[in-house]
Amino acid sequence: MGQGATDRHRHYESAFDDCLRRHGWPFIRVDEQKRAVFTGAKIKSFDFLVYPSTGKGWLVDVKGRSFPYDGRHGRRYWENWVTQDDLEGLRAWESVFGDDFEAVFVFAYWLRELQHRQPLGPVHPFRDERYAFMWIRAAQYTSLARLRSRSWDTLSMPAAQFRRFAEPVFPEPLPDAALNAT
């Protein structure tokens, strides 16, 4: 049975969900099919409420990207674009949740081939594919992002800056026993 249109995009979130479970981090997956209404305005939902092992809770917007990305301008690495709506939604939720939470983007890279340019951190196997997860605070992303497309209302960070500031979500690989768990 083939993947439906929504399944093709959700594999990134499913891989992240699996990795959170295997690392034992508490989290809640948010129903992204709905927009929440808060104070009369519709706010774009985030994908996960995550409680990392240290620090503040995370309001996570997962951004799935192929690595490398084969586009009409050739192969590109470290794709990290977001929409203005993504940023505004995370900012709004961060103000609702308060100081104990921070809005973050998690870039879930679907590793299309292993090579020297692959993202930092451990590779997570999931459903016969490989993923790497990099995170960056939404506030920091906003301060470094540039307009990518006015017509699509998207922003992105230069790849060199992204590599400098983004961090692996899980800096240590899972033990073999956790990888083999079902």
N, C-alpha and C. Protein backbone atom coordinates (compact mmCIF):
# COMPACT_ATOMS: atom_id res chain seq x y z
N MET A 1 0.84 -1.18 0.00
CA MET A 1 0.00 0.00 0.00
C MET A 1 0.89 1.24 0.00
N GLY A 2 0.68 2.15 -0.91
CA GLY A 2 1.54 3.33 -1.06
C GLY A 2 1.23 4.39 -0.02
N GLN A 3 2.14 5.34 0.06
CA GLN A 3 1.96 6.44 1.00
C GLN A 3 1.02 7.46 0.40
N GLY A 4 0.05 7.92 1.19
CA GLY A 4 -0.82 9.00 0.76
C GLY A 4 -0.09 10.31 0.85
N ALA A 5 -0.72 11.38 0.35
CA ALA A 5 -0.08 12.69 0.35
C ALA A 5 0.27 13.14 1.76
N THR A 6 -0.62 12.93 2.72
CA THR A 6 -0.31 13.37 4.07
C THR A 6 0.74 12.48 4.71
N ASP A 7 0.75 11.18 4.39
CA ASP A 7 1.75 10.27 4.95
C ASP A 7 3.16 10.65 4.52
N ARG A 8 3.31 11.13 3.28
CA ARG A 8 4.63 11.51 2.80
C ARG A 8 5.23 12.60 3.66
N HIS A 9 4.41 13.49 4.18
CA HIS A 9 4.92 14.59 5.00
C HIS A 9 4.99 14.20 6.47
N ARG A 10 4.19 13.29 6.91
CA ARG A 10 4.15 12.91 8.32
C ARG A 10 5.26 11.94 8.70
N HIS A 11 5.96 11.35 7.75
CA HIS A 11 7.02 10.41 8.13
C HIS A 11 8.10 11.12 8.94
N TYR A 12 8.30 12.41 8.70
CA TYR A 12 9.27 13.16 9.49
C TYR A 12 8.83 13.23 10.96
N GLU A 13 7.55 13.58 11.17
CA GLU A 13 7.03 13.65 12.53
C GLU A 13 7.01 12.28 13.18
N SER A 14 6.67 11.25 12.42
CA SER A 14 6.65 9.89 12.96
C SER A 14 8.04 9.43 13.37
N ALA A 15 9.04 9.78 12.58
CA ALA A 15 10.42 9.42 12.92
C ALA A 15 10.86 10.16 14.18
N PHE A 16 10.48 11.43 14.31
CA PHE A 16 10.82 12.20 15.50
C PHE A 16 10.10 11.63 16.73
N ASP A 17 8.84 11.29 16.58
CA ASP A 17 8.06 10.66 17.65
C ASP A 17 8.76 9.38 18.12
N ASP A 18 9.18 8.55 17.17
CA ASP A 18 9.87 7.30 17.50
C ASP A 18 11.17 7.57 18.26
N CYS A 19 11.92 8.55 17.82
CA CYS A 19 13.19 8.87 18.46
C CYS A 19 12.97 9.41 19.88
N LEU A 20 11.95 10.25 20.07
CA LEU A 20 11.62 10.73 21.41
C LEU A 20 11.30 9.57 22.35
N ARG A 21 10.49 8.63 21.86
CA ARG A 21 10.11 7.46 22.66
C ARG A 21 11.35 6.64 23.05
N ARG A 22 12.19 6.38 22.09
CA ARG A 22 13.37 5.55 22.34
C ARG A 22 14.37 6.21 23.29
N HIS A 23 14.41 7.54 23.27
CA HIS A 23 15.28 8.27 24.20
C HIS A 23 14.63 8.48 25.56
N GLY A 24 13.34 8.17 25.66
CA GLY A 24 12.64 8.29 26.93
C GLY A 24 12.26 9.70 27.33
N TRP A 25 12.16 10.60 26.36
CA TRP A 25 11.76 11.98 26.67
C TRP A 25 10.24 12.06 26.71
N PRO A 26 9.65 12.60 27.76
CA PRO A 26 8.20 12.78 27.78
C PRO A 26 7.78 13.81 26.73
N PHE A 27 6.64 13.54 26.07
CA PHE A 27 6.15 14.48 25.06
C PHE A 27 4.66 14.25 24.82
N ILE A 28 4.06 15.24 24.18
CA ILE A 28 2.68 15.16 23.72
C ILE A 28 2.69 15.55 22.25
N ARG A 29 2.09 14.72 21.42
CA ARG A 29 1.97 15.04 19.99
C ARG A 29 0.70 15.84 19.79
N VAL A 30 0.79 16.96 19.10
CA VAL A 30 -0.34 17.86 18.90
C VAL A 30 -1.02 17.52 17.58
N ASP A 31 -2.35 17.57 17.55
CA ASP A 31 -3.10 17.31 16.33
C ASP A 31 -2.94 18.50 15.40
N GLU A 32 -2.07 18.35 14.42
CA GLU A 32 -1.76 19.48 13.54
C GLU A 32 -2.82 19.72 12.47
N GLN A 33 -3.84 18.87 12.41
CA GLN A 33 -4.91 19.07 11.43
C GLN A 33 -5.83 20.22 11.82
N LYS A 34 -5.69 20.68 13.05
CA LYS A 34 -6.58 21.73 13.55
C LYS A 34 -5.77 22.95 13.92
N ARG A 35 -6.37 24.09 13.70
CA ARG A 35 -5.77 25.34 14.18
C ARG A 35 -6.51 25.71 15.45
N ALA A 36 -5.78 26.03 16.46
CA ALA A 36 -6.40 26.43 17.71
C ALA A 36 -6.87 27.87 17.61
N VAL A 37 -7.93 28.16 18.32
CA VAL A 37 -8.42 29.52 18.40
C VAL A 37 -8.12 30.02 19.80
N PHE A 38 -7.37 31.10 19.87
CA PHE A 38 -7.00 31.68 21.15
C PHE A 38 -7.24 33.17 21.08
N THR A 39 -7.97 33.70 22.02
CA THR A 39 -8.37 35.11 22.07
C THR A 39 -8.94 35.58 20.74
N GLY A 40 -9.75 34.71 20.12
CA GLY A 40 -10.44 35.08 18.90
C GLY A 40 -9.63 34.98 17.63
N ALA A 41 -8.37 34.63 17.71
CA ALA A 41 -7.52 34.53 16.51
C ALA A 41 -7.10 33.08 16.30
N LYS A 42 -7.02 32.68 15.04
CA LYS A 42 -6.52 31.34 14.73
C LYS A 42 -5.01 31.34 14.78
N ILE A 43 -4.45 30.36 15.47
CA ILE A 43 -2.99 30.26 15.60
C ILE A 43 -2.56 28.92 15.02
N LYS A 44 -1.53 28.94 14.19
CA LYS A 44 -0.99 27.70 13.64
C LYS A 44 -0.48 26.84 14.78
N SER A 45 -0.86 25.59 14.75
CA SER A 45 -0.44 24.66 15.81
C SER A 45 1.02 24.28 15.65
N PHE A 46 1.63 23.95 16.77
CA PHE A 46 2.96 23.35 16.75
C PHE A 46 2.75 21.84 16.74
N ASP A 47 3.81 21.06 16.61
CA ASP A 47 3.67 19.61 16.42
C ASP A 47 3.82 18.79 17.70
N PHE A 48 4.71 19.22 18.60
CA PHE A 48 4.99 18.45 19.81
C PHE A 48 5.22 19.39 20.98
N LEU A 49 4.79 18.94 22.14
CA LEU A 49 5.17 19.55 23.41
C LEU A 49 6.15 18.55 24.02
N VAL A 50 7.42 18.96 24.15
CA VAL A 50 8.48 18.04 24.55
C VAL A 50 9.11 18.52 25.85
N TYR A 51 9.42 17.57 26.70
CA TYR A 51 10.11 17.86 27.95
C TYR A 51 11.50 17.25 27.88
N PRO A 52 12.50 18.03 27.40
CA PRO A 52 13.87 17.51 27.30
C PRO A 52 14.39 17.13 28.70
N SER A 53 15.48 16.41 28.70
CA SER A 53 16.04 15.95 29.98
C SER A 53 16.51 17.10 30.86
N THR A 54 16.84 18.24 30.27
CA THR A 54 17.23 19.43 31.05
C THR A 54 16.64 20.66 30.41
N GLY A 55 16.49 21.72 31.19
CA GLY A 55 16.04 23.00 30.65
C GLY A 55 14.53 23.12 30.53
N LYS A 56 14.13 24.11 29.78
CA LYS A 56 12.71 24.42 29.58
C LYS A 56 12.04 23.39 28.69
N GLY A 57 10.70 23.35 28.78
CA GLY A 57 9.92 22.54 27.85
C GLY A 57 9.98 23.17 26.46
N TRP A 58 9.81 22.34 25.45
CA TRP A 58 9.87 22.81 24.07
C TRP A 58 8.50 22.78 23.42
N LEU A 59 8.17 23.84 22.70
CA LEU A 59 7.04 23.88 21.79
C LEU A 59 7.66 23.67 20.41
N VAL A 60 7.50 22.48 19.86
CA VAL A 60 8.27 22.06 18.68
C VAL A 60 7.43 22.13 17.40
N ASP A 61 7.98 22.82 16.42
CA ASP A 61 7.45 22.77 15.06
C ASP A 61 8.46 21.97 14.26
N VAL A 62 8.07 20.78 13.80
CA VAL A 62 8.96 19.91 13.03
C VAL A 62 8.93 20.32 11.57
N LYS A 63 10.11 20.50 11.01
CA LYS A 63 10.26 20.85 9.60
C LYS A 63 11.01 19.72 8.91
N GLY A 64 10.32 18.94 8.12
CA GLY A 64 10.94 17.83 7.42
C GLY A 64 11.61 18.27 6.14
N ARG A 65 12.85 17.83 5.96
CA ARG A 65 13.61 18.20 4.76
C ARG A 65 14.43 16.99 4.31
N SER A 66 14.56 16.83 3.00
CA SER A 66 15.45 15.81 2.44
C SER A 66 16.87 16.31 2.53
N PHE A 67 17.80 15.39 2.71
CA PHE A 67 19.21 15.75 2.81
C PHE A 67 20.03 14.77 1.99
N PRO A 68 20.57 15.15 0.86
CA PRO A 68 20.46 16.47 0.25
C PRO A 68 19.11 16.64 -0.43
N TYR A 69 18.82 17.89 -0.75
CA TYR A 69 17.61 18.23 -1.48
C TYR A 69 18.00 18.40 -2.94
N ASP A 70 17.33 17.66 -3.80
CA ASP A 70 17.59 17.77 -5.24
C ASP A 70 16.54 18.69 -5.84
N GLY A 71 16.94 19.91 -6.12
CA GLY A 71 16.01 20.90 -6.68
C GLY A 71 16.40 21.28 -8.09
N ARG A 72 15.67 22.19 -8.63
CA ARG A 72 15.94 22.60 -10.01
C ARG A 72 17.27 23.34 -10.15
N HIS A 73 17.82 23.81 -9.02
CA HIS A 73 19.13 24.47 -9.03
C HIS A 73 20.24 23.53 -8.56
N GLY A 74 19.99 22.23 -8.61
CA GLY A 74 20.99 21.26 -8.20
C GLY A 74 20.80 20.82 -6.76
N ARG A 75 21.77 20.09 -6.28
CA ARG A 75 21.73 19.58 -4.90
C ARG A 75 22.00 20.70 -3.91
N ARG A 76 21.16 20.71 -2.86
CA ARG A 76 21.37 21.70 -1.80
C ARG A 76 21.35 20.97 -0.47
N TYR A 77 22.15 21.47 0.45
CA TYR A 77 22.29 20.89 1.77
C TYR A 77 21.80 21.88 2.81
N TRP A 78 21.37 21.36 3.93
CA TRP A 78 20.96 22.17 5.07
C TRP A 78 19.77 23.07 4.77
N GLU A 79 18.82 22.56 3.99
CA GLU A 79 17.58 23.32 3.75
C GLU A 79 16.95 23.59 5.11
N ASN A 80 16.55 24.83 5.35
CA ASN A 80 16.00 25.18 6.67
C ASN A 80 14.95 26.28 6.59
N TRP A 81 14.24 26.35 5.49
CA TRP A 81 13.25 27.41 5.33
C TRP A 81 12.01 27.14 6.20
N VAL A 82 11.38 28.23 6.61
CA VAL A 82 10.12 28.19 7.36
C VAL A 82 9.23 29.29 6.80
N THR A 83 7.95 29.24 7.12
CA THR A 83 7.05 30.30 6.69
C THR A 83 6.91 31.34 7.80
N GLN A 84 6.49 32.51 7.41
CA GLN A 84 6.21 33.56 8.39
C GLN A 84 5.11 33.09 9.35
N ASP A 85 4.15 32.34 8.82
CA ASP A 85 3.07 31.78 9.64
C ASP A 85 3.63 30.83 10.72
N ASP A 86 4.66 30.04 10.37
CA ASP A 86 5.31 29.17 11.35
C ASP A 86 5.86 29.99 12.51
N LEU A 87 6.59 31.06 12.17
CA LEU A 87 7.20 31.92 13.20
C LEU A 87 6.15 32.61 14.06
N GLU A 88 5.13 33.15 13.43
CA GLU A 88 4.09 33.86 14.18
C GLU A 88 3.34 32.90 15.11
N GLY A 89 3.06 31.70 14.63
CA GLY A 89 2.38 30.72 15.46
C GLY A 89 3.20 30.33 16.68
N LEU A 90 4.49 30.06 16.47
CA LEU A 90 5.35 29.69 17.60
C LEU A 90 5.48 30.84 18.61
N ARG A 91 5.62 32.05 18.11
CA ARG A 91 5.71 33.21 19.02
C ARG A 91 4.45 33.34 19.86
N ALA A 92 3.30 33.15 19.22
CA ALA A 92 2.03 33.26 19.94
C ALA A 92 1.92 32.18 21.02
N TRP A 93 2.28 30.93 20.66
CA TRP A 93 2.20 29.84 21.64
C TRP A 93 3.20 30.04 22.77
N GLU A 94 4.36 30.56 22.46
CA GLU A 94 5.36 30.80 23.49
C GLU A 94 4.82 31.80 24.52
N SER A 95 4.10 32.81 24.06
CA SER A 95 3.53 33.78 25.01
C SER A 95 2.40 33.15 25.82
N VAL A 96 1.67 32.23 25.26
CA VAL A 96 0.59 31.54 25.98
C VAL A 96 1.17 30.62 27.06
N PHE A 97 2.21 29.86 26.72
CA PHE A 97 2.77 28.89 27.65
C PHE A 97 3.67 29.52 28.72
N GLY A 98 4.23 30.67 28.45
CA GLY A 98 5.00 31.39 29.46
C GLY A 98 6.46 31.00 29.52
N ASP A 99 7.12 31.46 30.58
CA ASP A 99 8.58 31.36 30.71
C ASP A 99 9.13 29.95 30.88
N ASP A 100 8.30 28.99 31.20
CA ASP A 100 8.81 27.62 31.39
C ASP A 100 8.95 26.86 30.07
N PHE A 101 8.58 27.50 28.95
CA PHE A 101 8.64 26.85 27.65
C PHE A 101 9.31 27.76 26.64
N GLU A 102 9.94 27.14 25.64
CA GLU A 102 10.52 27.91 24.55
C GLU A 102 10.13 27.27 23.22
N ALA A 103 9.89 28.13 22.25
CA ALA A 103 9.53 27.68 20.91
C ALA A 103 10.80 27.29 20.16
N VAL A 104 10.78 26.11 19.54
CA VAL A 104 11.94 25.64 18.78
C VAL A 104 11.49 25.02 17.46
N PHE A 105 12.37 25.11 16.49
CA PHE A 105 12.20 24.35 15.25
C PHE A 105 13.08 23.12 15.36
N VAL A 106 12.53 21.98 15.00
CA VAL A 106 13.32 20.76 14.85
C VAL A 106 13.31 20.44 13.37
N PHE A 107 14.47 20.46 12.76
CA PHE A 107 14.60 20.08 11.37
C PHE A 107 14.91 18.60 11.33
N ALA A 108 13.94 17.85 10.80
CA ALA A 108 14.07 16.40 10.68
C ALA A 108 14.60 16.12 9.28
N TYR A 109 15.87 15.78 9.21
CA TYR A 109 16.49 15.53 7.91
C TYR A 109 16.39 14.05 7.55
N TRP A 110 15.73 13.79 6.44
CA TRP A 110 15.61 12.44 5.88
C TRP A 110 16.87 12.24 5.05
N LEU A 111 17.77 11.41 5.53
CA LEU A 111 19.07 11.24 4.90
C LEU A 111 18.94 10.36 3.67
N ARG A 112 19.04 10.97 2.53
CA ARG A 112 18.87 10.28 1.25
C ARG A 112 20.11 9.49 0.87
N GLU A 113 21.26 9.89 1.38
CA GLU A 113 22.50 9.15 1.14
C GLU A 113 23.48 9.52 2.25
N LEU A 114 24.27 8.57 2.67
CA LEU A 114 25.27 8.85 3.70
C LEU A 114 26.50 9.48 3.05
N GLN A 115 27.01 10.51 3.66
CA GLN A 115 28.15 11.22 3.10
C GLN A 115 28.78 12.12 4.15
N HIS A 116 29.82 12.80 3.77
CA HIS A 116 30.53 13.65 4.72
C HIS A 116 29.74 14.89 5.13
N ARG A 117 28.74 15.29 4.38
CA ARG A 117 27.99 16.50 4.70
C ARG A 117 26.76 16.23 5.58
N GLN A 118 26.60 15.01 6.03
CA GLN A 118 25.38 14.72 6.78
C GLN A 118 25.31 15.53 8.07
N PRO A 119 24.07 15.79 8.56
CA PRO A 119 23.92 16.58 9.78
C PRO A 119 24.66 15.98 10.96
N LEU A 120 24.97 16.83 11.91
CA LEU A 120 25.67 16.39 13.11
C LEU A 120 24.73 15.55 13.97
N GLY A 121 25.33 14.80 14.86
CA GLY A 121 24.52 13.99 15.77
C GLY A 121 24.26 12.61 15.23
N PRO A 122 23.64 11.79 16.06
CA PRO A 122 23.42 10.40 15.66
C PRO A 122 22.36 10.27 14.58
N VAL A 123 22.49 9.23 13.80
CA VAL A 123 21.51 8.90 12.77
C VAL A 123 20.48 7.98 13.41
N HIS A 124 19.20 8.27 13.17
CA HIS A 124 18.12 7.48 13.74
C HIS A 124 17.47 6.64 12.64
N PRO A 125 17.58 5.31 12.74
CA PRO A 125 16.90 4.47 11.75
C PRO A 125 15.42 4.37 12.08
N PHE A 126 14.58 4.48 11.05
CA PHE A 126 13.14 4.40 11.24
C PHE A 126 12.50 3.92 9.94
N ARG A 127 11.78 2.81 10.01
CA ARG A 127 11.07 2.24 8.83
C ARG A 127 11.98 2.15 7.61
N ASP A 128 13.13 1.57 7.78
CA ASP A 128 14.10 1.36 6.70
C ASP A 128 14.64 2.65 6.09
N GLU A 129 14.53 3.75 6.81
CA GLU A 129 15.09 5.02 6.38
C GLU A 129 15.98 5.54 7.51
N ARG A 130 16.69 6.63 7.24
CA ARG A 130 17.59 7.23 8.23
C ARG A 130 17.27 8.72 8.37
N TYR A 131 17.31 9.18 9.62
CA TYR A 131 16.97 10.57 9.92
C TYR A 131 18.00 11.15 10.88
N ALA A 132 18.15 12.46 10.85
CA ALA A 132 18.93 13.20 11.84
C ALA A 132 18.08 14.40 12.23
N PHE A 133 18.16 14.78 13.51
CA PHE A 133 17.31 15.84 14.04
C PHE A 133 18.16 16.97 14.61
N MET A 134 17.98 18.16 14.04
CA MET A 134 18.69 19.36 14.49
C MET A 134 17.66 20.36 15.01
N TRP A 135 18.01 21.06 16.09
CA TRP A 135 17.07 22.03 16.64
C TRP A 135 17.73 23.40 16.78
N ILE A 136 16.85 24.41 16.77
CA ILE A 136 17.27 25.79 16.98
C ILE A 136 16.10 26.55 17.59
N ARG A 137 16.41 27.42 18.52
CA ARG A 137 15.36 28.25 19.13
C ARG A 137 14.73 29.15 18.07
N ALA A 138 13.41 29.27 18.12
CA ALA A 138 12.71 30.10 17.13
C ALA A 138 13.18 31.55 17.22
N ALA A 139 13.45 32.05 18.41
CA ALA A 139 13.91 33.44 18.56
C ALA A 139 15.26 33.63 17.88
N GLN A 140 16.15 32.68 18.04
CA GLN A 140 17.46 32.79 17.40
C GLN A 140 17.32 32.67 15.88
N TYR A 141 16.49 31.74 15.44
CA TYR A 141 16.25 31.59 14.00
C TYR A 141 15.75 32.90 13.41
N THR A 142 14.78 33.51 14.10
CA THR A 142 14.20 34.77 13.62
C THR A 142 15.26 35.86 13.48
N SER A 143 16.17 35.93 14.43
CA SER A 143 17.19 36.98 14.39
C SER A 143 18.20 36.79 13.26
N LEU A 144 18.35 35.57 12.77
CA LEU A 144 19.35 35.28 11.73
C LEU A 144 18.75 35.01 10.34
N ALA A 145 17.44 34.87 10.28
CA ALA A 145 16.78 34.51 9.02
C ALA A 145 16.70 35.68 8.06
N ARG A 146 16.66 35.32 6.79
CA ARG A 146 16.50 36.30 5.71
C ARG A 146 15.30 35.90 4.86
N LEU A 147 14.72 36.87 4.18
CA LEU A 147 13.62 36.58 3.27
C LEU A 147 14.09 35.63 2.19
N ARG A 148 13.36 34.55 1.99
CA ARG A 148 13.70 33.59 0.94
C ARG A 148 12.80 33.81 -0.27
N SER A 149 11.49 33.92 -0.01
CA SER A 149 10.54 34.13 -1.10
C SER A 149 9.39 35.00 -0.60
N ARG A 150 9.22 36.13 -1.24
CA ARG A 150 8.12 37.01 -0.88
C ARG A 150 6.79 36.37 -1.27
N SER A 151 6.73 35.72 -2.42
CA SER A 151 5.47 35.13 -2.87
C SER A 151 5.03 33.94 -2.01
N TRP A 152 5.97 33.19 -1.47
CA TRP A 152 5.65 32.05 -0.60
C TRP A 152 5.70 32.45 0.87
N ASP A 153 6.12 33.67 1.15
CA ASP A 153 6.21 34.19 2.52
C ASP A 153 7.11 33.29 3.38
N THR A 154 8.28 32.97 2.82
CA THR A 154 9.22 32.08 3.52
C THR A 154 10.52 32.82 3.86
N LEU A 155 11.17 32.29 4.89
CA LEU A 155 12.45 32.79 5.37
C LEU A 155 13.39 31.61 5.47
N SER A 156 14.69 31.88 5.46
CA SER A 156 15.67 30.82 5.71
C SER A 156 16.95 31.45 6.25
N MET A 157 17.75 30.61 6.86
CA MET A 157 19.07 31.05 7.35
C MET A 157 20.12 30.61 6.35
N PRO A 158 21.18 31.38 6.18
CA PRO A 158 22.29 30.90 5.36
C PRO A 158 22.81 29.58 5.97
N ALA A 159 23.16 28.64 5.11
CA ALA A 159 23.57 27.30 5.56
C ALA A 159 24.71 27.35 6.57
N ALA A 160 25.70 28.22 6.35
CA ALA A 160 26.85 28.29 7.27
C ALA A 160 26.40 28.72 8.66
N GLN A 161 25.51 29.68 8.74
CA GLN A 161 25.01 30.11 10.05
C GLN A 161 24.16 29.01 10.69
N PHE A 162 23.34 28.36 9.88
CA PHE A 162 22.51 27.29 10.42
C PHE A 162 23.39 26.20 11.02
N ARG A 163 24.42 25.79 10.30
CA ARG A 163 25.34 24.75 10.81
C ARG A 163 26.02 25.20 12.10
N ARG A 164 26.26 26.48 12.22
CA ARG A 164 26.93 27.01 13.41
C ARG A 164 26.02 27.00 14.65
N PHE A 165 24.74 27.34 14.47
CA PHE A 165 23.85 27.53 15.61
C PHE A 165 22.90 26.37 15.90
N ALA A 166 22.55 25.59 14.91
CA ALA A 166 21.65 24.45 15.16
C ALA A 166 22.41 23.34 15.87
N GLU A 167 21.73 22.62 16.74
CA GLU A 167 22.35 21.55 17.53
C GLU A 167 21.60 20.25 17.33
N PRO A 168 22.27 19.12 17.48
CA PRO A 168 21.55 17.85 17.42
C PRO A 168 20.56 17.77 18.60
N VAL A 169 19.36 17.31 18.33
CA VAL A 169 18.38 17.13 19.40
C VAL A 169 18.90 16.11 20.40
N PHE A 170 19.43 15.02 19.86
CA PHE A 170 19.94 13.93 20.69
C PHE A 170 21.43 13.79 20.39
N PRO A 171 22.29 14.35 21.23
CA PRO A 171 23.72 14.33 20.92
C PRO A 171 24.35 12.95 21.00
N GLU A 172 23.74 12.04 21.73
CA GLU A 172 24.30 10.69 21.89
C GLU A 172 23.44 9.67 21.16
N PRO A 173 24.06 8.70 20.50
CA PRO A 173 23.27 7.65 19.85
C PRO A 173 22.61 6.76 20.90
N LEU A 174 21.55 6.12 20.48
CA LEU A 174 20.88 5.16 21.35
C LEU A 174 21.72 3.91 21.49
N PRO A 175 21.63 3.25 22.65
CA PRO A 175 22.30 1.95 22.77
C PRO A 175 21.66 0.96 21.80
N ASP A 176 22.42 -0.05 21.38
CA ASP A 176 21.90 -1.02 20.41
C ASP A 176 20.60 -1.65 20.86
N ALA A 177 20.44 -1.91 22.16
CA ALA A 177 19.21 -2.53 22.67
C ALA A 177 18.00 -1.65 22.39
N ALA A 178 18.15 -0.33 22.53
CA ALA A 178 17.04 0.59 22.27
C ALA A 178 16.71 0.64 20.79
N LEU A 179 17.70 0.54 19.94
CA LEU A 179 17.46 0.56 18.51
C LEU A 179 16.71 -0.68 18.05
N ASN A 180 16.93 -1.80 18.72
CA ASN A 180 16.30 -3.06 18.32
C ASN A 180 14.94 -3.26 18.97
N ALA A 181 14.53 -2.36 19.87
CA ALA A 181 13.23 -2.49 20.53
C ALA A 181 12.12 -2.24 19.53
N THR A 182 11.00 -2.88 19.75
CA THR A 182 9.86 -2.67 18.85
C THR A 182 8.82 -1.79 19.46
